[in-house]
Amino acid sequence: MKTMSESNISAQNQSTYDVIISGAGPVGLFLACELALARCSVLILEKAENPHSPLKQIPFGIRGLSTPSIEALYRRDLLQKLQLHKHFNNPHHNTKKGAQRQGGHFAGIQFQYDDVDMTTWKYRLSNSTDTSLISEMQELETVLTHRAEALGVKIIRGLALSGFHQTADEVAVQAGDQTFTGQWLVGCDGSRSIVRKAGGFEFAGTEPEFTGYSTQVEIADPEKLKPGRNVTPTGMYLQSQPGYVVIQDFDGGAFHNSNQPVTLQHVQEVLRRVSNTDVTLTALHIATTWTDRARQATTYRNGRVFLAGDAAHIHAPLGGQGLNLGLGDAMNLGWKLAATIQNKAPEGLLDSYYAERYPIGVQVLDWSRAQVAIMKPEPGALAVYAIIRDLINTSDGATYMAGRIWGVFMHYDLGSNHPLAGYSVPNFEFEDGTTIGEFMRDGRGVLLDFNGDPSLKTLAAQYGEQISYVSGRAKEQLGLSAVLIRPDGFVAWASDKSPDHNGLQEAVSRWFVCD
């Protein structure tokens, strides 16, 4: 890792960039990778000088990646660099093998993996990537940092953005006693985003119902606490690994907002009340608090300034969807911003970032609120909780929950009548063993032609490097003849029979500019 002084010396060679990103977390790093893949110059400013922290490591830093995130990493040849999931089970579940293997939870109510009927997902092929897997913040940031730096991204750590001024043509960013200039600025700087506050973005939403605690403790009598996630009449507690305890206390967020120190005595008091035990804690090593406050920026763009990740939306970390939501922002914005910088963006392309991602954010925030609502220690909430528990224990219920939690149902309204349009492209495997995902590593769009239609090859050639033409027979074609895939992996157009050339031309011109 470069020291701040070394980074500043090297940064003096360039002070103007295509894009400046505030925040070197997974979202900022992934966005930088997408932009640099399209040959944009990128600077990341990160306030923390040291990228390593116990809160980014197991167990505090553990995160679940959902299907859209896994597919995005696979399509950029990053998935194979993640190793943790290959030898580490999710410690937040009461993990069982075989028929009782747990697939996820809603408000702490587990559904079983083998209750999920994946045959109902028509366009999910047998060779698809995993629907979910475990990673940690430090592993993900390390992998993304290596890729970003290999692509030429400049990362300056220990230097936080303090303000900015934008004109019609550029954004001047202040960081310490230095000024950097970019065509665009993106705030990926978390829930307390300086970019969001300085940019005048409205952050609307709802206030918290609870204070959450993530702690590493020593317990004199751990047998008094049940393993796994436990919803109780007064809250929730989770004991996954020895000494790692998460608690939800429905105090309206009062303790988190009080700024009082988290002491051993306080954690023991809360844990005893929530678990309804007389458990004794003998030491408190690490503790952090959080809430279920749910807020979302009412717009993701102000002139030349964008928001992504927690800077744009925050919610309770129930189900771990925050990271995935942010990675989706980065994948969606990256190619659109790069096309704009390179004068290859059709009218309205940048506006589609907000149009597509804002509704996804709304869904995730409401999903989080719904979980909190049925976890409240109130008779009405407990009654609904019991009904949801019964529904989840059915195949239809488990399949629905899996589709939402794993992200299989994620969809953009792209104005096409084909049922595949707006969904992630199936991982078609060709007769030589290659997959469509392998053709997406360069970040270009793809026109996939199963029938070898010369007119489709001619059409793709008109768009130069923006669209790769891929022709060949697949092992499973799902009745399709041709598919237009955006650089982010989502289907813009598809045809079951002979391609509708007028419809295809309209779809292509919506996302790309003819050379």
Protein backbone atom coordinates (compact mmCIF):
# COMPACT_ATOMS: atom_id res chain seq x y z
CA MET A 1 0.00 0.00 0.00
CA LYS A 2 1.30 3.45 -0.88
CA THR A 3 1.67 5.94 1.90
CA MET A 4 -0.14 9.22 1.56
CA SER A 5 3.09 11.06 0.73
CA GLU A 6 4.04 8.52 -1.97
CA SER A 7 0.54 8.67 -3.44
CA ASN A 8 0.52 12.46 -3.47
CA ILE A 9 3.86 12.63 -5.25
CA SER A 10 2.66 10.30 -7.99
CA ALA A 11 -0.69 12.08 -8.19
CA GLN A 12 1.05 15.34 -9.02
CA ASN A 13 1.65 13.95 -12.50
CA GLN A 14 -2.06 14.31 -13.22
CA SER A 15 -4.70 16.53 -11.70
CA THR A 16 -7.47 16.20 -14.32
CA TYR A 17 -9.47 13.00 -14.76
CA ASP A 18 -12.50 11.79 -16.62
CA VAL A 19 -14.09 10.69 -13.33
CA ILE A 20 -13.28 11.33 -9.68
CA ILE A 21 -14.77 8.86 -7.19
CA SER A 22 -15.08 9.58 -3.47
CA GLY A 23 -14.71 6.33 -1.53
CA ALA A 24 -12.60 3.20 -2.07
CA GLY A 25 -15.10 0.67 -0.78
CA PRO A 26 -16.38 -2.14 -3.01
CA VAL A 27 -18.82 0.13 -4.85
CA GLY A 28 -16.29 2.84 -5.65
CA LEU A 29 -13.66 0.30 -6.64
CA PHE A 30 -16.02 -1.69 -8.87
CA LEU A 31 -17.23 1.49 -10.56
CA ALA A 32 -13.61 2.52 -11.13
CA CYS A 33 -12.90 -0.88 -12.72
CA GLU A 34 -15.85 -0.50 -15.08
CA LEU A 35 -14.78 2.99 -16.14
CA ALA A 36 -11.12 2.07 -16.55
CA LEU A 37 -12.09 -1.01 -18.56
CA ALA A 38 -13.60 1.45 -21.05
CA ARG A 39 -10.31 3.41 -21.04
CA CYS A 40 -11.48 6.31 -18.86
CA SER A 41 -9.04 7.98 -16.47
CA VAL A 42 -10.19 7.58 -12.88
CA LEU A 43 -9.09 8.95 -9.50
CA ILE A 44 -10.38 7.53 -6.20
CA LEU A 45 -10.06 9.60 -3.03
CA GLU A 46 -10.37 7.60 0.19
CA LYS A 47 -10.31 9.18 3.65
CA ALA A 48 -8.96 6.05 5.42
CA GLU A 49 -5.20 5.67 5.02
CA ASN A 50 -5.25 1.99 5.98
CA PRO A 51 -7.68 -0.15 3.95
CA HIS A 52 -7.61 -2.95 6.55
CA SER A 53 -9.91 -3.06 9.56
CA PRO A 54 -11.29 -5.79 11.86
CA LEU A 55 -14.77 -4.65 10.82
CA LYS A 56 -13.98 -5.69 7.23
CA GLN A 57 -12.82 -9.17 8.23
CA ILE A 58 -14.67 -12.26 9.34
CA PRO A 59 -16.93 -12.30 11.22
CA PHE A 60 -17.80 -8.58 11.15
CA GLY A 61 -16.97 -8.12 7.49
CA ILE A 62 -18.81 -11.14 6.18
CA ARG A 63 -21.19 -10.40 3.31
CA GLY A 64 -23.45 -12.48 1.12
CA LEU A 65 -23.26 -11.91 -2.63
CA SER A 66 -26.52 -12.33 -4.54
CA THR A 67 -27.03 -13.60 -8.07
CA PRO A 68 -26.68 -10.24 -9.91
CA SER A 69 -23.41 -9.48 -8.08
CA ILE A 70 -22.02 -12.97 -8.68
CA GLU A 71 -22.89 -12.75 -12.37
CA ALA A 72 -21.34 -9.29 -12.67
CA LEU A 73 -18.08 -10.49 -11.12
CA TYR A 74 -18.12 -13.59 -13.31
CA ARG A 75 -18.59 -11.55 -16.47
CA ARG A 76 -15.57 -9.42 -15.59
CA ASP A 77 -13.40 -12.46 -14.72
CA LEU A 78 -13.26 -11.49 -11.04
CA LEU A 79 -15.35 -14.25 -9.49
CA GLN A 80 -12.60 -16.86 -9.70
CA LYS A 81 -10.35 -14.60 -7.61
CA LEU A 82 -12.68 -14.89 -4.60
CA GLN A 83 -11.62 -17.83 -2.45
CA LEU A 84 -13.37 -17.48 0.89
CA HIS A 85 -16.66 -19.04 -0.22
CA LYS A 86 -14.87 -22.23 -1.27
CA HIS A 87 -14.01 -23.22 2.29
CA PHE A 88 -16.23 -21.18 4.58
CA ASN A 89 -19.91 -21.64 5.38
CA ASN A 90 -22.16 -18.75 6.30
CA PRO A 91 -21.75 -18.35 10.08
CA HIS A 92 -25.01 -16.42 10.29
CA HIS A 93 -27.04 -19.56 9.61
CA ASN A 94 -27.58 -22.71 11.60
CA THR A 95 -25.90 -24.50 8.69
CA LYS A 96 -27.05 -28.01 7.92
CA LYS A 97 -26.17 -30.30 5.08
CA GLY A 98 -28.38 -32.32 2.81
CA ALA A 99 -32.11 -31.72 2.52
CA GLN A 100 -32.15 -29.22 5.38
CA ARG A 101 -29.46 -26.92 3.96
CA GLN A 102 -30.57 -23.35 4.59
CA GLY A 103 -30.91 -21.00 1.65
CA GLY A 104 -31.48 -17.68 3.41
CA HIS A 105 -33.91 -15.91 5.69
CA PHE A 106 -36.60 -13.27 5.91
CA ALA A 107 -36.74 -11.53 9.30
CA GLY A 108 -34.79 -14.44 10.73
CA ILE A 109 -37.19 -17.06 9.33
CA GLN A 110 -35.06 -19.55 7.44
CA PHE A 111 -36.08 -21.20 4.18
CA GLN A 112 -34.59 -24.49 3.07
CA TYR A 113 -32.55 -24.69 -0.10
CA ASP A 114 -34.18 -27.89 -1.30
CA ASP A 115 -37.67 -26.40 -0.91
CA VAL A 116 -36.84 -23.96 -3.74
CA ASP A 117 -38.27 -25.01 -7.12
CA MET A 118 -35.75 -23.59 -9.59
CA THR A 119 -37.56 -25.20 -12.52
CA THR A 120 -40.00 -22.28 -12.39
CA TRP A 121 -37.18 -19.93 -13.46
CA LYS A 122 -37.44 -20.55 -17.19
CA TYR A 123 -34.34 -18.63 -18.24
CA ARG A 124 -31.94 -19.88 -15.59
CA LEU A 125 -29.70 -22.51 -17.18
CA SER A 126 -28.11 -25.56 -15.61
CA ASN A 127 -24.59 -24.07 -15.89
CA SER A 128 -25.49 -20.79 -14.21
CA THR A 129 -23.30 -19.29 -11.52
CA ASP A 130 -24.20 -19.80 -7.86
CA THR A 131 -27.30 -18.01 -6.65
CA SER A 132 -25.51 -16.84 -3.51
CA LEU A 133 -22.10 -17.13 -1.89
CA ILE A 134 -20.12 -15.78 1.02
CA SER A 135 -17.37 -13.18 0.84
CA GLU A 136 -15.97 -10.55 3.18
CA MET A 137 -15.40 -6.85 2.70
CA GLN A 138 -11.62 -7.12 2.90
CA GLU A 139 -11.41 -9.94 0.34
CA LEU A 140 -13.68 -8.12 -2.08
CA GLU A 141 -11.88 -4.80 -1.69
CA THR A 142 -8.49 -6.48 -2.17
CA VAL A 143 -9.57 -8.18 -5.40
CA LEU A 144 -11.16 -5.01 -6.77
CA THR A 145 -8.17 -2.85 -5.77
CA HIS A 146 -5.77 -5.12 -7.65
CA ARG A 147 -7.97 -5.00 -10.76
CA ALA A 148 -8.45 -1.24 -10.55
CA GLU A 149 -4.74 -0.55 -10.21
CA ALA A 150 -3.94 -2.96 -13.07
CA LEU A 151 -6.32 -0.94 -15.24
CA GLY A 152 -4.58 2.32 -14.33
CA VAL A 153 -6.91 3.71 -11.66
CA LYS A 154 -5.22 6.15 -9.28
CA ILE A 155 -6.14 5.51 -5.62
CA ILE A 156 -5.10 8.05 -3.00
CA ARG A 157 -5.69 6.89 0.57
CA GLY A 158 -5.66 9.14 3.59
CA LEU A 159 -7.06 12.03 1.56
CA ALA A 160 -10.78 12.73 1.90
CA LEU A 161 -12.93 14.86 -0.32
CA SER A 162 -13.92 17.97 1.62
CA GLY A 163 -15.93 19.85 -0.99
CA PHE A 164 -16.43 20.50 -4.67
CA HIS A 165 -17.62 23.07 -7.17
CA GLN A 166 -19.14 22.15 -10.48
CA THR A 167 -19.56 24.10 -13.70
CA ALA A 168 -21.25 23.15 -16.95
CA ASP A 169 -18.08 21.38 -18.09
CA GLU A 170 -16.27 19.98 -15.04
CA VAL A 171 -16.11 19.43 -11.31
CA ALA A 172 -13.32 20.88 -9.15
CA VAL A 173 -12.79 18.71 -6.06
CA GLN A 174 -11.07 19.87 -2.87
CA ALA A 175 -9.24 17.28 -0.79
CA GLY A 176 -6.96 18.56 1.95
CA ASP A 177 -4.87 21.33 0.43
CA GLN A 178 -5.14 19.86 -3.07
CA THR A 179 -7.57 20.39 -5.93
CA PHE A 180 -8.40 17.82 -8.59
CA THR A 181 -10.55 18.32 -11.66
CA GLY A 182 -12.82 15.78 -13.28
CA GLN A 183 -15.48 15.76 -15.94
CA TRP A 184 -17.66 13.88 -13.46
CA LEU A 185 -17.78 13.16 -9.72
CA VAL A 186 -19.39 10.09 -8.13
CA GLY A 187 -20.05 9.82 -4.42
CA CYS A 188 -19.47 6.25 -3.23
CA ASP A 189 -18.59 7.50 0.24
CA GLY A 190 -21.13 5.70 2.36
CA SER A 191 -24.12 6.56 4.50
CA ARG A 192 -22.60 9.81 5.77
CA SER A 193 -21.62 10.85 2.25
CA ILE A 194 -19.89 14.21 1.97
CA VAL A 195 -20.72 14.28 -1.73
CA ARG A 196 -24.43 13.85 -1.00
CA LYS A 197 -24.43 16.55 1.66
CA ALA A 198 -22.30 19.03 -0.28
CA GLY A 199 -24.28 18.34 -3.44
CA GLY A 200 -27.60 19.26 -1.85
CA PHE A 201 -29.25 15.87 -2.43
CA GLU A 202 -32.45 15.23 -0.49
CA PHE A 203 -32.21 12.04 1.58
CA ALA A 204 -35.79 11.00 2.33
CA GLY A 205 -37.06 8.06 4.33
CA THR A 206 -38.04 6.62 7.70
CA GLU A 207 -36.57 6.70 11.19
CA PRO A 208 -35.24 3.61 13.00
CA GLU A 209 -37.13 1.11 15.12
CA PHE A 210 -34.11 -0.48 16.80
CA THR A 211 -30.44 -0.25 17.70
CA GLY A 212 -28.35 -3.09 16.34
CA TYR A 213 -25.13 -4.26 18.00
CA SER A 214 -22.31 -6.23 16.39
CA THR A 215 -19.95 -7.42 19.11
CA GLN A 216 -17.00 -9.64 19.82
CA VAL A 217 -17.18 -10.76 23.44
CA GLU A 218 -16.06 -13.41 25.88
CA ILE A 219 -18.95 -15.34 27.40
CA ALA A 220 -18.70 -17.19 30.69
CA ASP A 221 -21.68 -19.42 29.92
CA PRO A 222 -22.24 -19.51 26.12
CA GLU A 223 -24.51 -22.53 26.41
CA LYS A 224 -27.23 -20.18 27.69
CA LEU A 225 -27.53 -18.66 24.20
CA LYS A 226 -29.04 -20.62 21.34
CA PRO A 227 -26.89 -20.87 18.21
CA GLY A 228 -27.82 -19.08 14.99
CA ARG A 229 -30.41 -16.32 14.57
CA ASN A 230 -33.13 -16.14 17.23
CA VAL A 231 -36.14 -13.83 17.15
CA THR A 232 -37.52 -13.26 20.65
CA PRO A 233 -40.47 -11.35 22.12
CA THR A 234 -38.09 -8.44 22.84
CA GLY A 235 -35.82 -8.39 19.79
CA MET A 236 -33.31 -10.65 18.06
CA TYR A 237 -29.90 -12.08 18.83
CA LEU A 238 -27.50 -14.10 16.73
CA GLN A 239 -24.61 -16.21 17.98
CA SER A 240 -22.79 -17.67 15.00
CA GLN A 241 -19.15 -18.06 15.89
CA PRO A 242 -17.96 -18.33 19.49
CA GLY A 243 -17.86 -14.85 20.97
CA TYR A 244 -19.53 -13.16 17.99
CA VAL A 245 -22.94 -11.83 19.00
CA VAL A 246 -25.34 -9.60 17.05
CA ILE A 247 -28.31 -8.05 18.87
CA GLN A 248 -31.36 -6.05 17.82
CA ASP A 249 -32.97 -4.00 20.58
CA PHE A 250 -36.22 -2.22 19.67
CA ASP A 251 -35.44 1.09 21.36
CA GLY A 252 -36.30 3.30 18.37
CA GLY A 253 -32.59 3.71 17.67
CA ALA A 254 -32.18 5.67 20.89
CA PHE A 255 -28.87 4.18 22.01
CA HIS A 256 -27.25 4.41 18.57
CA ASN A 257 -28.27 8.06 18.33
CA SER A 258 -27.10 8.88 21.85
CA ASN A 259 -23.40 8.69 20.98
CA GLN A 260 -22.77 6.95 24.30
CA PRO A 261 -19.87 4.50 24.48
CA VAL A 262 -20.72 0.81 24.11
CA THR A 263 -19.60 -0.75 27.38
CA LEU A 264 -19.43 -4.34 28.55
CA GLN A 265 -22.11 -3.66 31.14
CA HIS A 266 -24.47 -2.13 28.58
CA VAL A 267 -24.07 -5.00 26.08
CA GLN A 268 -24.66 -7.56 28.82
CA GLU A 269 -27.79 -5.73 29.96
CA VAL A 270 -29.22 -5.58 26.42
CA LEU A 271 -28.29 -9.18 25.63
CA ARG A 272 -29.90 -10.49 28.82
CA ARG A 273 -33.11 -8.62 28.10
CA VAL A 274 -33.33 -9.65 24.45
CA SER A 275 -32.32 -13.30 25.02
CA ASN A 276 -34.31 -13.64 28.27
CA THR A 277 -31.33 -15.31 29.94
CA ASP A 278 -28.89 -14.40 32.72
CA VAL A 279 -25.89 -14.88 30.41
CA THR A 280 -22.64 -13.34 31.71
CA LEU A 281 -20.11 -11.50 29.56
CA THR A 282 -16.54 -11.28 30.86
CA ALA A 283 -14.89 -9.12 28.18
CA LEU A 284 -15.86 -6.85 25.29
CA HIS A 285 -13.27 -6.70 22.49
CA ILE A 286 -15.09 -5.00 19.61
CA ALA A 287 -18.50 -3.36 19.40
CA THR A 288 -20.29 -1.25 16.84
CA THR A 289 -23.90 -0.13 16.59
CA TRP A 290 -26.26 0.46 13.68
CA THR A 291 -29.97 0.98 13.01
CA ASP A 292 -32.69 0.21 10.49
CA ARG A 293 -33.01 3.84 9.38
CA ALA A 294 -34.14 3.63 5.73
CA ARG A 295 -33.40 6.57 3.46
CA GLN A 296 -32.92 7.10 -0.25
CA ALA A 297 -31.76 10.07 -2.29
CA THR A 298 -34.70 11.46 -4.26
CA THR A 299 -32.41 11.79 -7.28
CA TYR A 300 -29.09 10.10 -8.02
CA ARG A 301 -27.73 12.94 -10.14
CA ASN A 302 -27.15 16.66 -9.72
CA GLY A 303 -25.50 18.04 -12.84
CA ARG A 304 -22.10 16.35 -13.14
CA VAL A 305 -22.37 14.66 -9.75
CA PHE A 306 -23.76 11.16 -9.13
CA LEU A 307 -24.42 9.00 -6.08
CA ALA A 308 -24.02 5.23 -5.80
CA GLY A 309 -24.11 2.66 -3.02
CA ASP A 310 -24.83 3.71 0.57
CA ALA A 311 -24.40 7.35 -0.44
CA ALA A 312 -27.65 6.92 -2.40
CA HIS A 313 -29.57 4.58 -0.07
CA ILE A 314 -29.34 3.09 3.40
CA HIS A 315 -31.40 0.47 5.22
CA ALA A 316 -31.12 -2.21 7.88
CA PRO A 317 -28.55 -4.88 6.98
CA LEU A 318 -31.17 -7.63 7.29
CA GLY A 319 -30.40 -10.13 4.56
CA GLY A 320 -27.23 -8.29 3.58
CA GLN A 321 -28.63 -6.65 0.44
CA GLY A 322 -26.88 -3.28 0.81
CA LEU A 323 -23.58 -4.35 -0.76
CA ASN A 324 -25.36 -6.03 -3.66
CA LEU A 325 -27.51 -2.98 -4.26
CA GLY A 326 -24.39 -0.82 -4.44
CA LEU A 327 -22.52 -3.17 -6.77
CA GLY A 328 -25.56 -3.10 -9.04
CA ASP A 329 -25.41 0.70 -9.06
CA ALA A 330 -21.77 0.57 -10.12
CA MET A 331 -22.37 -1.97 -12.89
CA ASN A 332 -25.30 0.07 -14.23
CA LEU A 333 -23.62 3.48 -14.09
CA GLY A 334 -20.14 2.50 -15.25
CA TRP A 335 -20.76 1.73 -18.92
CA LYS A 336 -23.25 4.57 -19.31
CA LEU A 337 -20.88 7.16 -17.89
CA ALA A 338 -17.99 5.80 -19.99
CA ALA A 339 -20.11 6.00 -23.17
CA THR A 340 -20.99 9.60 -22.33
CA ILE A 341 -17.33 10.51 -21.83
CA GLN A 342 -16.47 8.93 -25.19
CA ASN A 343 -19.36 10.65 -26.99
CA LYS A 344 -21.00 7.28 -27.65
CA ALA A 345 -24.10 7.81 -25.50
CA PRO A 346 -27.57 8.08 -27.08
CA GLU A 347 -29.84 10.78 -25.74
CA GLY A 348 -31.11 9.96 -22.26
CA LEU A 349 -28.58 7.21 -21.53
CA LEU A 350 -27.31 8.80 -18.31
CA ASP A 351 -30.87 9.50 -17.18
CA SER A 352 -31.57 5.77 -17.40
CA TYR A 353 -29.22 5.19 -14.44
CA TYR A 354 -31.67 6.80 -12.03
CA ALA A 355 -34.72 5.47 -13.91
CA GLU A 356 -33.48 1.89 -13.55
CA ARG A 357 -31.71 1.87 -10.22
CA TYR A 358 -34.04 4.04 -8.11
CA PRO A 359 -36.96 1.53 -8.29
CA ILE A 360 -34.59 -1.30 -7.33
CA GLY A 361 -33.54 0.75 -4.29
CA VAL A 362 -37.18 1.31 -3.35
CA GLN A 363 -37.81 -2.44 -3.46
CA VAL A 364 -34.83 -3.22 -1.23
CA LEU A 365 -35.73 -0.55 1.33
CA ASP A 366 -39.31 -1.83 1.50
CA TRP A 367 -38.02 -5.41 1.81
CA SER A 368 -35.97 -4.29 4.80
CA ARG A 369 -38.86 -2.36 6.36
CA ALA A 370 -41.15 -5.37 5.98
CA GLN A 371 -38.71 -7.56 7.92
CA VAL A 372 -38.44 -5.02 10.72
CA ALA A 373 -42.22 -4.67 10.86
CA ILE A 374 -42.81 -8.34 11.66
CA MET A 375 -39.90 -8.54 14.13
CA LYS A 376 -41.35 -5.94 16.48
CA PRO A 377 -42.20 -7.23 19.96
CA GLU A 378 -45.92 -6.54 19.44
CA PRO A 379 -48.89 -8.97 19.20
CA GLY A 380 -49.85 -7.91 15.66
CA ALA A 381 -46.31 -8.27 14.36
CA LEU A 382 -45.89 -11.64 16.05
CA ALA A 383 -49.13 -12.87 14.43
CA VAL A 384 -47.94 -11.86 10.94
CA TYR A 385 -44.54 -13.38 11.70
CA ALA A 386 -46.19 -16.75 12.37
CA ILE A 387 -48.09 -16.62 9.07
CA ILE A 388 -44.95 -15.73 7.10
CA ARG A 389 -43.14 -18.61 8.82
CA ASP A 390 -45.82 -21.04 7.66
CA LEU A 391 -45.69 -19.70 4.09
CA ILE A 392 -41.90 -19.94 3.91
CA ASN A 393 -42.14 -23.60 4.86
CA THR A 394 -43.95 -24.31 1.56
CA SER A 395 -42.28 -24.81 -1.82
CA ASP A 396 -44.04 -21.79 -3.33
CA GLY A 397 -43.09 -19.63 -0.36
CA ALA A 398 -39.45 -20.73 -0.33
CA THR A 399 -39.20 -20.24 -4.11
CA TYR A 400 -40.58 -16.72 -3.89
CA MET A 401 -38.28 -15.80 -1.02
CA ALA A 402 -35.26 -17.25 -2.80
CA GLY A 403 -36.06 -15.36 -5.98
CA ARG A 404 -36.21 -12.08 -4.07
CA ILE A 405 -33.32 -12.65 -1.66
CA TRP A 406 -30.97 -14.17 -4.26
CA GLY A 407 -31.84 -11.44 -6.75
CA VAL A 408 -33.06 -13.81 -9.47
CA PHE A 409 -36.19 -11.65 -9.94
CA MET A 410 -34.25 -8.40 -10.48
CA HIS A 411 -35.61 -6.73 -13.62
CA TYR A 412 -35.40 -3.44 -15.49
CA ASP A 413 -38.32 -2.11 -17.53
CA LEU A 414 -36.61 -1.70 -20.90
CA GLY A 415 -39.73 -1.25 -22.99
CA SER A 416 -39.65 -4.64 -24.74
CA ASN A 417 -42.45 -7.19 -24.79
CA HIS A 418 -40.18 -10.22 -24.79
CA PRO A 419 -40.26 -11.95 -21.38
CA LEU A 420 -36.45 -12.12 -21.21
CA ALA A 421 -35.93 -8.40 -21.86
CA GLY A 422 -34.75 -6.51 -18.78
CA TYR A 423 -33.43 -9.64 -17.06
CA SER A 424 -29.86 -10.86 -16.71
CA VAL A 425 -28.80 -12.83 -19.78
CA PRO A 426 -28.74 -16.62 -19.28
CA ASN A 427 -25.25 -18.08 -19.20
CA PHE A 428 -25.48 -19.71 -22.63
CA GLU A 429 -22.84 -22.37 -23.20
CA PHE A 430 -21.64 -22.94 -26.75
CA GLU A 431 -20.69 -26.24 -28.31
CA ASP A 432 -16.98 -25.60 -27.69
CA GLY A 433 -17.58 -25.12 -23.95
CA THR A 434 -17.25 -21.33 -23.82
CA THR A 435 -20.05 -19.31 -22.24
CA ILE A 436 -21.59 -15.97 -23.10
CA GLY A 437 -20.17 -14.60 -19.85
CA GLU A 438 -16.65 -15.09 -21.20
CA PHE A 439 -17.48 -12.80 -24.14
CA MET A 440 -18.37 -9.97 -21.74
CA ARG A 441 -15.03 -9.50 -20.02
CA ASP A 442 -14.16 -6.46 -22.14
CA GLY A 443 -17.29 -4.57 -21.02
CA ARG A 444 -18.85 -4.31 -24.47
CA GLY A 445 -22.39 -5.00 -25.55
CA VAL A 446 -23.01 -8.31 -27.32
CA LEU A 447 -25.29 -9.23 -30.22
CA LEU A 448 -25.75 -12.96 -29.86
CA ASP A 449 -26.85 -14.71 -33.07
CA PHE A 450 -27.75 -18.40 -32.81
CA ASN A 451 -28.67 -18.75 -36.49
CA GLY A 452 -25.74 -17.05 -38.22
CA ASP A 453 -27.81 -14.27 -39.80
CA PRO A 454 -25.44 -12.14 -42.00
CA SER A 455 -27.62 -9.06 -41.53
CA LEU A 456 -27.06 -9.17 -37.75
CA LYS A 457 -23.30 -9.29 -38.26
CA THR A 458 -23.55 -6.27 -40.56
CA LEU A 459 -25.64 -4.40 -38.00
CA ALA A 460 -23.17 -5.06 -35.17
CA ALA A 461 -20.26 -3.91 -37.35
CA GLN A 462 -21.91 -0.48 -37.70
CA TYR A 463 -21.31 0.09 -33.99
CA GLY A 464 -17.61 -0.71 -34.00
CA GLU A 465 -16.10 -1.63 -30.63
CA GLN A 466 -19.33 -0.94 -28.77
CA ILE A 467 -20.93 -4.26 -29.76
CA SER A 468 -19.29 -7.67 -30.12
CA TYR A 469 -20.97 -10.01 -32.59
CA VAL A 470 -21.11 -13.60 -31.32
CA SER A 471 -22.49 -16.34 -33.54
CA GLY A 472 -22.84 -20.04 -32.80
CA ARG A 473 -25.08 -22.78 -31.53
CA ALA A 474 -25.61 -23.15 -27.79
CA LYS A 475 -26.26 -26.36 -25.88
CA GLU A 476 -29.46 -24.81 -24.51
CA GLN A 477 -30.94 -22.00 -26.61
CA LEU A 478 -34.30 -21.70 -24.85
CA GLY A 479 -36.08 -21.29 -28.18
CA LEU A 480 -34.24 -18.03 -28.90
CA SER A 481 -32.78 -16.97 -32.24
CA ALA A 482 -30.96 -13.75 -31.24
CA VAL A 483 -30.29 -11.67 -28.12
CA LEU A 484 -28.95 -8.12 -27.67
CA ILE A 485 -27.05 -7.82 -24.38
CA ARG A 486 -26.05 -4.52 -22.78
CA PRO A 487 -22.53 -4.15 -21.34
CA ASP A 488 -23.93 -4.75 -17.83
CA GLY A 489 -25.26 -8.16 -18.86
CA PHE A 490 -28.96 -7.31 -19.09
CA VAL A 491 -31.01 -8.24 -22.13
CA ALA A 492 -32.12 -5.23 -24.17
CA TRP A 493 -33.90 -7.24 -26.87
CA ALA A 494 -34.56 -10.89 -27.70
CA SER A 495 -36.29 -12.83 -30.45
CA ASP A 496 -37.76 -16.34 -30.41
CA LYS A 497 -38.06 -16.74 -34.18
CA SER A 498 -36.63 -14.82 -37.11
CA PRO A 499 -35.35 -11.53 -35.69
CA ASP A 500 -37.57 -8.48 -35.98
CA HIS A 501 -34.96 -6.24 -37.59
CA ASN A 502 -36.92 -3.05 -36.99
CA GLY A 503 -37.32 -3.90 -33.31
CA LEU A 504 -33.66 -4.81 -33.04
CA GLN A 505 -32.53 -1.61 -34.73
CA GLU A 506 -34.69 0.40 -32.34
CA ALA A 507 -33.24 -1.42 -29.33
CA VAL A 508 -29.64 -1.03 -30.53
CA SER A 509 -30.04 2.70 -31.18
CA ARG A 510 -31.53 3.16 -27.71
CA TRP A 511 -28.30 2.01 -26.03
CA PHE A 512 -25.53 2.59 -28.56
CA VAL A 513 -24.42 5.20 -31.12
CA CYS A 514 -23.60 4.18 -34.68
CA ASP A 515 -19.95 4.83 -35.60
